Amino acid sequence: MKQPIRVVLIDDHTIIREGLKKILSTDTKSRFEVVGTFSDGQAFLDYLKTNTCDVALMDIQMPKKSGDSTLEISTKLHPHVSVVVLSMITNEFMIERTIKNGALGYLPKEADTEEIKEALVVANDKKMFYNQLVTPEKMIAFIQGKRST
């Protein structure tokens, strides 16, 4: 049997962390193991000093250290950890910023559970997963540093 994907959840809202943990822990295919939950980016970065995970599912707006600065640091210091952003912020600027900082996925908090699970699986394979917020044309433009119109 294939090893489960080791997931860390980072969100400042307890109900989000607990809900996502329950959803992933009861996956019918047993694809996920939640190995950590954190309420801010600094706690996640501290965790990575002595532990690891395969994929981090991270919010952007958090106290102490925001998700975008946490993403930038974690992808530089721990490139083996794939990051998927799950945020209520859906503006193009933030999506572009996270792509440039190394996120392999960006989902709105309105995403359904199957889309979140799929994003984690795809990111674990070191591939990019973005929902309809990011068209392939926007993705190419973001990566090339061009602003879409």
Protein backbone atom coordinates (compact mmCIF):
# COMPACT_ATOMS: atom_id res chain seq x y z
CA MET A 1 0.00 0.00 0.00
CA LYS A 2 1.21 3.48 -0.85
CA GLN A 3 2.21 5.72 2.05
CA PRO A 4 -0.34 8.42 2.89
CA ILE A 5 0.47 12.02 2.01
CA ARG A 6 1.70 13.77 5.16
CA VAL A 7 -0.26 17.03 5.38
CA VAL A 8 0.14 20.07 7.60
CA LEU A 9 -2.77 22.49 8.02
CA ILE A 10 -2.07 26.18 8.70
CA ASP A 11 -5.04 28.47 9.36
CA ASP A 12 -5.79 30.87 12.19
CA HIS A 13 -9.38 29.61 12.51
CA THR A 14 -9.69 26.52 14.70
CA ILE A 15 -12.89 25.36 13.02
CA ILE A 16 -11.17 25.37 9.61
CA ARG A 17 -8.21 23.34 10.90
CA GLU A 18 -10.42 20.86 12.73
CA GLY A 19 -12.83 20.54 9.81
CA LEU A 20 -10.07 19.96 7.27
CA LYS A 21 -8.37 17.46 9.57
CA LYS A 22 -11.61 15.49 9.91
CA ILE A 23 -12.21 15.59 6.15
CA LEU A 24 -8.70 14.39 5.32
CA SER A 25 -8.56 11.80 8.10
CA THR A 26 -11.77 10.17 6.91
CA ASP A 27 -10.81 10.07 3.23
CA THR A 28 -12.26 6.83 1.84
CA LYS A 29 -9.01 6.07 -0.01
CA SER A 30 -6.84 6.74 3.08
CA ARG A 31 -4.60 9.05 1.04
CA PHE A 32 -3.82 11.57 3.81
CA GLU A 33 -2.24 11.73 7.23
CA VAL A 34 -2.49 15.08 9.03
CA VAL A 35 0.84 15.38 10.86
CA GLY A 36 0.41 18.90 12.20
CA THR A 37 -1.97 21.82 12.57
CA PHE A 38 -0.89 25.39 13.23
CA SER A 39 -2.64 28.72 13.77
CA ASP A 40 0.09 30.86 12.19
CA GLY A 41 2.94 30.69 9.75
CA GLN A 42 5.70 31.07 12.34
CA ALA A 43 4.55 27.93 14.16
CA PHE A 44 4.71 26.04 10.84
CA LEU A 45 8.23 27.31 10.11
CA ASP A 46 9.30 26.30 13.64
CA TYR A 47 7.84 22.82 13.01
CA LEU A 48 9.88 22.48 9.82
CA LYS A 49 13.13 23.00 11.76
CA THR A 50 12.84 19.48 13.20
CA ASN A 51 10.01 17.80 11.27
CA THR A 52 8.76 17.46 7.75
CA CYS A 53 5.63 16.93 5.71
CA ASP A 54 4.77 16.37 2.07
CA VAL A 55 2.17 19.09 1.55
CA ALA A 56 1.11 22.16 3.52
CA LEU A 57 -2.41 23.56 3.11
CA MET A 58 -2.10 27.20 4.12
CA ASP A 59 -4.24 30.30 4.58
CA ILE A 60 -2.89 33.73 3.61
CA GLN A 61 -4.25 36.01 6.33
CA MET A 62 -2.89 34.94 9.70
CA PRO A 63 -1.40 36.58 12.79
CA LYS A 64 2.33 36.61 13.66
CA LYS A 65 3.47 35.58 10.17
CA SER A 66 1.19 35.79 7.18
CA GLY A 67 0.81 32.99 4.69
CA ASP A 68 2.51 34.84 1.84
CA SER A 69 5.71 35.49 3.82
CA THR A 70 5.57 31.96 5.27
CA LEU A 71 5.22 30.58 1.74
CA GLU A 72 8.22 32.54 0.52
CA ILE A 73 10.41 31.33 3.39
CA SER A 74 9.23 27.71 3.37
CA THR A 75 9.68 27.21 -0.38
CA LYS A 76 13.24 28.57 -0.19
CA LEU A 77 14.32 26.66 2.93
CA HIS A 78 12.20 23.53 2.45
CA PRO A 79 11.63 23.05 -1.30
CA HIS A 80 10.58 19.41 -0.75
CA VAL A 81 7.37 20.64 0.95
CA SER A 82 4.63 21.44 -1.56
CA VAL A 83 2.29 24.28 -0.59
CA VAL A 84 -1.35 24.73 -1.55
CA VAL A 85 -3.01 28.00 -0.57
CA LEU A 86 -6.62 27.95 0.64
CA SER A 87 -7.83 31.51 1.07
CA MET A 88 -10.84 33.78 0.98
CA ILE A 89 -8.63 36.26 -0.90
CA THR A 90 -9.20 35.66 -4.60
CA ASN A 91 -7.74 38.76 -6.22
CA GLU A 92 -5.32 38.33 -9.09
CA PHE A 93 -2.47 40.12 -7.30
CA MET A 94 -2.42 37.64 -4.41
CA ILE A 95 -2.78 34.62 -6.67
CA GLU A 96 0.11 35.85 -8.82
CA ARG A 97 2.22 36.56 -5.75
CA THR A 98 1.74 33.06 -4.35
CA ILE A 99 2.53 31.44 -7.70
CA LYS A 100 5.74 33.46 -7.94
CA ASN A 101 6.61 32.46 -4.37
CA GLY A 102 6.27 28.77 -5.16
CA ALA A 103 2.72 27.67 -4.31
CA LEU A 104 1.64 24.63 -6.29
CA GLY A 105 -2.04 25.35 -5.74
CA TYR A 106 -4.46 28.16 -4.97
CA LEU A 107 -8.04 27.54 -3.95
CA PRO A 108 -10.77 29.78 -2.61
CA LYS A 109 -12.28 28.75 0.72
CA GLU A 110 -15.46 28.05 -1.23
CA ALA A 111 -13.74 25.03 -2.83
CA ASP A 112 -15.42 21.70 -2.18
CA THR A 113 -13.71 18.90 -0.32
CA GLU A 114 -12.99 16.82 -3.42
CA GLU A 115 -11.22 19.75 -5.09
CA ILE A 116 -9.12 20.31 -1.96
CA LYS A 117 -8.16 16.62 -1.85
CA GLU A 118 -7.29 16.65 -5.56
CA ALA A 119 -5.11 19.74 -5.08
CA LEU A 120 -3.18 18.00 -2.30
CA VAL A 121 -2.62 14.88 -4.42
CA VAL A 122 -1.47 16.92 -7.43
CA ALA A 123 0.83 19.12 -5.32
CA ASN A 124 2.31 16.01 -3.69
CA ASP A 125 3.33 14.95 -7.19
CA LYS A 126 5.08 18.35 -7.55
CA LYS A 127 2.57 19.50 -10.18
CA MET A 128 0.48 22.67 -10.20
CA PHE A 129 -3.21 22.64 -9.34
CA TYR A 130 -5.32 25.74 -9.75
CA ASN A 131 -9.05 25.92 -10.09
CA GLN A 132 -11.02 28.21 -12.42
CA LEU A 133 -9.53 31.28 -10.65
CA VAL A 134 -6.39 30.76 -12.70
CA THR A 135 -6.72 29.99 -16.39
CA PRO A 136 -3.77 28.36 -18.17
CA GLU A 137 -3.16 31.69 -19.94
CA LYS A 138 -2.99 33.55 -16.61
CA MET A 139 -0.66 30.89 -15.22
CA ILE A 140 1.78 31.33 -18.10
CA ALA A 141 1.59 35.12 -17.80
CA PHE A 142 2.20 34.98 -14.03
CA ILE A 143 5.19 32.68 -14.40
CA GLN A 144 6.65 34.86 -17.15
CA GLY A 145 6.08 37.96 -15.03
CA LYS A 146 3.52 39.55 -17.32
CA ARG A 147 0.39 41.21 -16.00
CA SER A 148 -2.79 39.87 -17.55
CA THR A 149 -5.34 42.34 -18.84
